[in-house]
Amino acid sequence: MNDIEITIRKVLDDTLRGMGSTPVDVDGKANLLESGVLDSFGYLDFIGSLEDAIGIPIDISDLDEERMVSVDGLCIEVERLKAA
């Protein structure tokens, strides 16, 4: 697990706690929305918190639709944003 994945998973856990849910161990390839881990409002909160954690603005319209909904995919997208 690299630093980006650790950060994403921590932010996800914090988001779930903030929603009154218990953090879960999510498979990196699992779709966070389709699996019910996050609803659409929780996802937006998660992305906002992730922006704060990584210090880079995230425009979800610029993210790859397939990648933006899983931990593994978000790792790729955050690495891409950091490299830009």
C-alpha atoms as a PDB file:
ATOM      1  CA  MET A   1       0.000   0.000   0.000  1.00  0.00           C
ATOM      2  CA  ASN A   2       1.494   3.356  -1.027  1.00  0.00           C
ATOM      3  CA  ASP A   3       1.021   6.749   0.653  1.00  0.00           C
ATOM      4  CA  ILE A   4      -1.755   7.789  -1.726  1.00  0.00           C
ATOM      5  CA  GLU A   5      -3.777   4.648  -1.050  1.00  0.00           C
ATOM      6  CA  ILE A   6      -3.259   5.051   2.700  1.00  0.00           C
ATOM      7  CA  THR A   7      -4.536   8.634   2.468  1.00  0.00           C
ATOM      8  CA  ILE A   8      -7.555   7.649   0.350  1.00  0.00           C
ATOM      9  CA  ARG A   9      -8.484   4.847   2.750  1.00  0.00           C
ATOM     10  CA  LYS A  10      -8.092   7.124   5.796  1.00  0.00           C
ATOM     11  CA  VAL A  11     -10.285   9.799   4.209  1.00  0.00           C
ATOM     12  CA  LEU A  12     -12.851   7.133   3.295  1.00  0.00           C
ATOM     13  CA  ASP A  13     -12.889   5.854   6.891  1.00  0.00           C
ATOM     14  CA  ASP A  14     -13.242   9.406   8.232  1.00  0.00           C
ATOM     15  CA  THR A  15     -16.069  10.118   5.775  1.00  0.00           C
ATOM     16  CA  LEU A  16     -17.921   6.981   6.828  1.00  0.00           C
ATOM     17  CA  ARG A  17     -17.505   7.858  10.515  1.00  0.00           C
ATOM     18  CA  GLY A  18     -18.812  11.364   9.790  1.00  0.00           C
ATOM     19  CA  MET A  19     -21.894   9.808   8.207  1.00  0.00           C
ATOM     20  CA  GLY A  20     -22.431   7.684  11.317  1.00  0.00           C
ATOM     21  CA  SER A  21     -21.322   4.498   9.563  1.00  0.00           C
ATOM     22  CA  THR A  22     -18.697   2.000  10.566  1.00  0.00           C
ATOM     23  CA  PRO A  23     -15.588   2.035   8.354  1.00  0.00           C
ATOM     24  CA  VAL A  24     -15.265  -1.096   6.244  1.00  0.00           C
ATOM     25  CA  ASP A  25     -12.334  -2.825   4.575  1.00  0.00           C
ATOM     26  CA  VAL A  26     -13.136  -2.113   0.929  1.00  0.00           C
ATOM     27  CA  ASP A  27     -11.646  -4.111  -1.926  1.00  0.00           C
ATOM     28  CA  GLY A  28      -9.597  -1.671  -3.998  1.00  0.00           C
ATOM     29  CA  LYS A  29     -11.476  -2.541  -7.173  1.00  0.00           C
ATOM     30  CA  ALA A  30     -14.970  -2.262  -5.631  1.00  0.00           C
ATOM     31  CA  ASN A  31     -17.243   0.492  -6.910  1.00  0.00           C
ATOM     32  CA  LEU A  32     -17.864   2.626  -3.814  1.00  0.00           C
ATOM     33  CA  LEU A  33     -21.297   3.706  -5.049  1.00  0.00           C
ATOM     34  CA  GLU A  34     -22.634   0.451  -6.491  1.00  0.00           C
ATOM     35  CA  SER A  35     -21.448  -1.529  -3.461  1.00  0.00           C
ATOM     36  CA  GLY A  36     -23.336   0.825  -1.150  1.00  0.00           C
ATOM     37  CA  VAL A  37     -20.246   1.980   0.728  1.00  0.00           C
ATOM     38  CA  LEU A  38     -21.111   5.595  -0.156  1.00  0.00           C
ATOM     39  CA  ASP A  39     -24.217   7.279  -1.486  1.00  0.00           C
ATOM     40  CA  SER A  40     -23.926  10.241  -3.866  1.00  0.00           C
ATOM     41  CA  PHE A  41     -23.837  12.814  -1.051  1.00  0.00           C
ATOM     42  CA  GLY A  42     -21.265  10.790   0.863  1.00  0.00           C
ATOM     43  CA  TYR A  43     -19.168  10.501  -2.289  1.00  0.00           C
ATOM     44  CA  LEU A  44     -19.120  14.277  -2.762  1.00  0.00           C
ATOM     45  CA  ASP A  45     -18.148  14.735   0.892  1.00  0.00           C
ATOM     46  CA  PHE A  46     -15.432  12.101   0.446  1.00  0.00           C
ATOM     47  CA  ILE A  47     -13.994  13.846  -2.636  1.00  0.00           C
ATOM     48  CA  GLY A  48     -14.025  17.221  -0.839  1.00  0.00           C
ATOM     49  CA  SER A  49     -12.178  15.726   2.121  1.00  0.00           C
ATOM     50  CA  LEU A  50      -9.739  14.001  -0.222  1.00  0.00           C
ATOM     51  CA  GLU A  51      -8.983  17.357  -1.860  1.00  0.00           C
ATOM     52  CA  ASP A  52      -8.123  18.771   1.564  1.00  0.00           C
ATOM     53  CA  ALA A  53      -5.969  15.766   2.445  1.00  0.00           C
ATOM     54  CA  ILE A  54      -3.891  15.785  -0.739  1.00  0.00           C
ATOM     55  CA  GLY A  55      -3.819  19.557  -1.197  1.00  0.00           C
ATOM     56  CA  ILE A  56      -4.924  19.401  -4.829  1.00  0.00           C
ATOM     57  CA  PRO A  57      -8.303  20.467  -6.208  1.00  0.00           C
ATOM     58  CA  ILE A  58     -10.229  17.583  -7.753  1.00  0.00           C
ATOM     59  CA  ASP A  59     -12.686  18.377 -10.519  1.00  0.00           C
ATOM     60  CA  ILE A  60     -14.735  15.194 -10.786  1.00  0.00           C
ATOM     61  CA  SER A  61     -15.646  16.094 -14.352  1.00  0.00           C
ATOM     62  CA  ASP A  62     -11.932  15.686 -15.199  1.00  0.00           C
ATOM     63  CA  LEU A  63     -11.683  12.221 -13.643  1.00  0.00           C
ATOM     64  CA  ASP A  64     -11.977   9.012 -15.592  1.00  0.00           C
ATOM     65  CA  GLU A  65     -15.515   7.736 -14.907  1.00  0.00           C
ATOM     66  CA  GLU A  66     -14.351   4.148 -14.457  1.00  0.00           C
ATOM     67  CA  ARG A  67     -11.579   5.074 -12.032  1.00  0.00           C
ATOM     68  CA  MET A  68     -13.253   7.720  -9.921  1.00  0.00           C
ATOM     69  CA  VAL A  69     -15.446   5.257  -8.027  1.00  0.00           C
ATOM     70  CA  SER A  70     -12.887   2.795  -6.615  1.00  0.00           C
ATOM     71  CA  VAL A  71      -9.927   3.116  -4.275  1.00  0.00           C
ATOM     72  CA  ASP A  72      -7.536   1.666  -6.878  1.00  0.00           C
ATOM     73  CA  GLY A  73      -8.877   3.967  -9.571  1.00  0.00           C
ATOM     74  CA  LEU A  74      -8.678   7.016  -7.348  1.00  0.00           C
ATOM     75  CA  CYS A  75      -5.048   6.146  -6.580  1.00  0.00           C
ATOM     76  CA  ILE A  76      -4.299   6.316 -10.307  1.00  0.00           C
ATOM     77  CA  GLU A  77      -6.217   9.568 -10.713  1.00  0.00           C
ATOM     78  CA  VAL A  78      -4.556  11.238  -7.701  1.00  0.00           C
ATOM     79  CA  GLU A  79      -1.116  10.189  -8.963  1.00  0.00           C
ATOM     80  CA  ARG A  80      -2.018  11.707 -12.348  1.00  0.00           C
ATOM     81  CA  LEU A  81      -3.174  14.955 -10.718  1.00  0.00           C
ATOM     82  CA  LYS A  82      -0.030  15.181  -8.581  1.00  0.00           C
ATOM     83  CA  ALA A  83       2.161  14.678 -11.659  1.00  0.00           C
ATOM     84  CA  ALA A  84       0.409  17.466 -13.593  1.00  0.00           C
END
